[in-house]
Amino acid sequence: MERLACAKSFKERVTLWVDFARKHLIDNSYRTDLVEYSELLICQNKGAIKIDKLCESLGYTSRHCREKFKDAQGISIKSYSEIIRF
């Protein structure tokens, strides 16, 4: 906090904050799972991604992806995509 308070510029404060975040707040061992990555891809594409393309990029069959997503979220990938698109 002292270093932040003593920083002379906004850019220096940002650099100090980023360095702190990298050392103390980010877990580099964390890996996203299939469902979380699916959600990310759907959101990045604003819901306009074909399920087959999504599953291909994940490296799983569409059946496996649909089952895992439905188990985790309680709705289908298609419904989730439609909600995001809406």
C-alpha atoms as a PDB file:
ATOM      1  CA  MET A   1       0.000   0.000   0.000  1.00  0.00           C
ATOM      2  CA  GLU A   2       2.843   2.360   0.787  1.00  0.00           C
ATOM      3  CA  ARG A   3       4.397   1.755  -2.620  1.00  0.00           C
ATOM      4  CA  LEU A   4       1.060   2.491  -4.274  1.00  0.00           C
ATOM      5  CA  ALA A   5       0.624   5.670  -2.256  1.00  0.00           C
ATOM      6  CA  CYS A   6       4.139   6.822  -3.100  1.00  0.00           C
ATOM      7  CA  ALA A   7       3.866   6.079  -6.819  1.00  0.00           C
ATOM      8  CA  LYS A   8       4.296   9.249  -8.852  1.00  0.00           C
ATOM      9  CA  SER A   9       2.078   8.362 -11.802  1.00  0.00           C
ATOM     10  CA  PHE A  10      -1.029   6.422 -12.614  1.00  0.00           C
ATOM     11  CA  LYS A  11       0.982   4.155 -14.906  1.00  0.00           C
ATOM     12  CA  GLU A  12       3.346   3.303 -12.044  1.00  0.00           C
ATOM     13  CA  ARG A  13       0.349   2.509  -9.784  1.00  0.00           C
ATOM     14  CA  VAL A  14      -1.113   0.220 -12.424  1.00  0.00           C
ATOM     15  CA  THR A  15       2.216  -1.567 -12.845  1.00  0.00           C
ATOM     16  CA  LEU A  16       2.501  -2.067  -9.080  1.00  0.00           C
ATOM     17  CA  TRP A  17      -1.050  -3.399  -8.904  1.00  0.00           C
ATOM     18  CA  VAL A  18      -0.523  -5.826 -11.809  1.00  0.00           C
ATOM     19  CA  ASP A  19       2.688  -7.119 -10.232  1.00  0.00           C
ATOM     20  CA  PHE A  20       0.882  -7.638  -6.921  1.00  0.00           C
ATOM     21  CA  ALA A  21      -2.031  -9.421  -8.634  1.00  0.00           C
ATOM     22  CA  ARG A  22       0.296 -11.748 -10.533  1.00  0.00           C
ATOM     23  CA  LYS A  23       2.125 -12.732  -7.361  1.00  0.00           C
ATOM     24  CA  HIS A  24      -0.789 -12.995  -4.921  1.00  0.00           C
ATOM     25  CA  LEU A  25      -4.150 -13.217  -6.658  1.00  0.00           C
ATOM     26  CA  ILE A  26      -3.719 -15.378  -9.736  1.00  0.00           C
ATOM     27  CA  ASP A  27      -3.592 -19.147  -9.407  1.00  0.00           C
ATOM     28  CA  ASN A  28      -1.442 -20.300 -12.322  1.00  0.00           C
ATOM     29  CA  SER A  29      -2.246 -23.941 -11.627  1.00  0.00           C
ATOM     30  CA  TYR A  30      -5.968 -23.365 -12.294  1.00  0.00           C
ATOM     31  CA  ARG A  31      -7.305 -24.983 -15.462  1.00  0.00           C
ATOM     32  CA  THR A  32     -10.764 -24.392 -16.862  1.00  0.00           C
ATOM     33  CA  ASP A  33     -13.046 -27.363 -17.257  1.00  0.00           C
ATOM     34  CA  LEU A  34     -15.133 -28.325 -20.272  1.00  0.00           C
ATOM     35  CA  VAL A  35     -18.276 -26.522 -19.109  1.00  0.00           C
ATOM     36  CA  GLU A  36     -16.518 -23.326 -18.097  1.00  0.00           C
ATOM     37  CA  TYR A  37     -14.602 -23.215 -21.378  1.00  0.00           C
ATOM     38  CA  SER A  38     -17.834 -23.872 -23.288  1.00  0.00           C
ATOM     39  CA  GLU A  39     -19.485 -20.937 -21.534  1.00  0.00           C
ATOM     40  CA  LEU A  40     -16.517 -18.745 -22.369  1.00  0.00           C
ATOM     41  CA  LEU A  41     -16.618 -19.664 -26.072  1.00  0.00           C
ATOM     42  CA  ILE A  42     -20.376 -19.158 -26.234  1.00  0.00           C
ATOM     43  CA  CYS A  43     -20.128 -15.736 -24.605  1.00  0.00           C
ATOM     44  CA  GLN A  44     -17.200 -14.663 -26.780  1.00  0.00           C
ATOM     45  CA  ASN A  45     -19.258 -15.561 -29.854  1.00  0.00           C
ATOM     46  CA  LYS A  46     -22.385 -13.875 -28.418  1.00  0.00           C
ATOM     47  CA  GLY A  47     -24.266 -17.163 -28.583  1.00  0.00           C
ATOM     48  CA  ALA A  48     -23.720 -17.501 -32.331  1.00  0.00           C
ATOM     49  CA  ILE A  49     -21.531 -20.595 -32.360  1.00  0.00           C
ATOM     50  CA  LYS A  50     -22.580 -23.945 -33.748  1.00  0.00           C
ATOM     51  CA  ILE A  51     -22.564 -26.744 -31.198  1.00  0.00           C
ATOM     52  CA  ASP A  52     -20.511 -28.971 -33.503  1.00  0.00           C
ATOM     53  CA  LYS A  53     -17.850 -26.273 -33.898  1.00  0.00           C
ATOM     54  CA  LEU A  54     -17.825 -25.683 -30.149  1.00  0.00           C
ATOM     55  CA  CYS A  55     -17.347 -29.390 -29.404  1.00  0.00           C
ATOM     56  CA  GLU A  56     -14.702 -29.721 -32.104  1.00  0.00           C
ATOM     57  CA  SER A  57     -12.674 -26.924 -30.513  1.00  0.00           C
ATOM     58  CA  LEU A  58     -13.019 -28.649 -27.128  1.00  0.00           C
ATOM     59  CA  GLY A  59     -11.886 -31.981 -28.545  1.00  0.00           C
ATOM     60  CA  TYR A  60     -14.911 -33.962 -27.363  1.00  0.00           C
ATOM     61  CA  THR A  61     -17.919 -35.478 -29.071  1.00  0.00           C
ATOM     62  CA  SER A  62     -21.036 -33.339 -29.167  1.00  0.00           C
ATOM     63  CA  ARG A  63     -22.881 -35.946 -27.107  1.00  0.00           C
ATOM     64  CA  HIS A  64     -20.264 -35.806 -24.342  1.00  0.00           C
ATOM     65  CA  CYS A  65     -20.282 -31.984 -24.337  1.00  0.00           C
ATOM     66  CA  ARG A  66     -24.084 -31.794 -24.243  1.00  0.00           C
ATOM     67  CA  GLU A  67     -24.285 -34.279 -21.355  1.00  0.00           C
ATOM     68  CA  LYS A  68     -21.575 -32.589 -19.260  1.00  0.00           C
ATOM     69  CA  PHE A  69     -23.035 -29.130 -19.862  1.00  0.00           C
ATOM     70  CA  LYS A  70     -26.577 -30.223 -18.978  1.00  0.00           C
ATOM     71  CA  ASP A  71     -25.345 -32.005 -15.821  1.00  0.00           C
ATOM     72  CA  ALA A  72     -23.441 -28.925 -14.660  1.00  0.00           C
ATOM     73  CA  GLN A  73     -25.857 -26.153 -15.667  1.00  0.00           C
ATOM     74  CA  GLY A  74     -29.255 -27.811 -15.768  1.00  0.00           C
ATOM     75  CA  ILE A  75     -29.946 -26.515 -19.283  1.00  0.00           C
ATOM     76  CA  SER A  76     -28.716 -27.534 -22.694  1.00  0.00           C
ATOM     77  CA  ILE A  77     -25.853 -25.868 -24.535  1.00  0.00           C
ATOM     78  CA  LYS A  78     -28.349 -24.779 -27.186  1.00  0.00           C
ATOM     79  CA  SER A  79     -30.614 -23.126 -24.597  1.00  0.00           C
ATOM     80  CA  TYR A  80     -27.626 -21.423 -23.013  1.00  0.00           C
ATOM     81  CA  SER A  81     -26.518 -20.129 -26.430  1.00  0.00           C
ATOM     82  CA  GLU A  82     -30.023 -18.840 -27.146  1.00  0.00           C
ATOM     83  CA  ILE A  83     -30.118 -17.001 -23.815  1.00  0.00           C
ATOM     84  CA  ILE A  84     -26.743 -15.386 -24.511  1.00  0.00           C
ATOM     85  CA  ARG A  85     -27.804 -14.501 -28.054  1.00  0.00           C
ATOM     86  CA  PHE A  86     -31.017 -12.932 -26.679  1.00  0.00           C
END
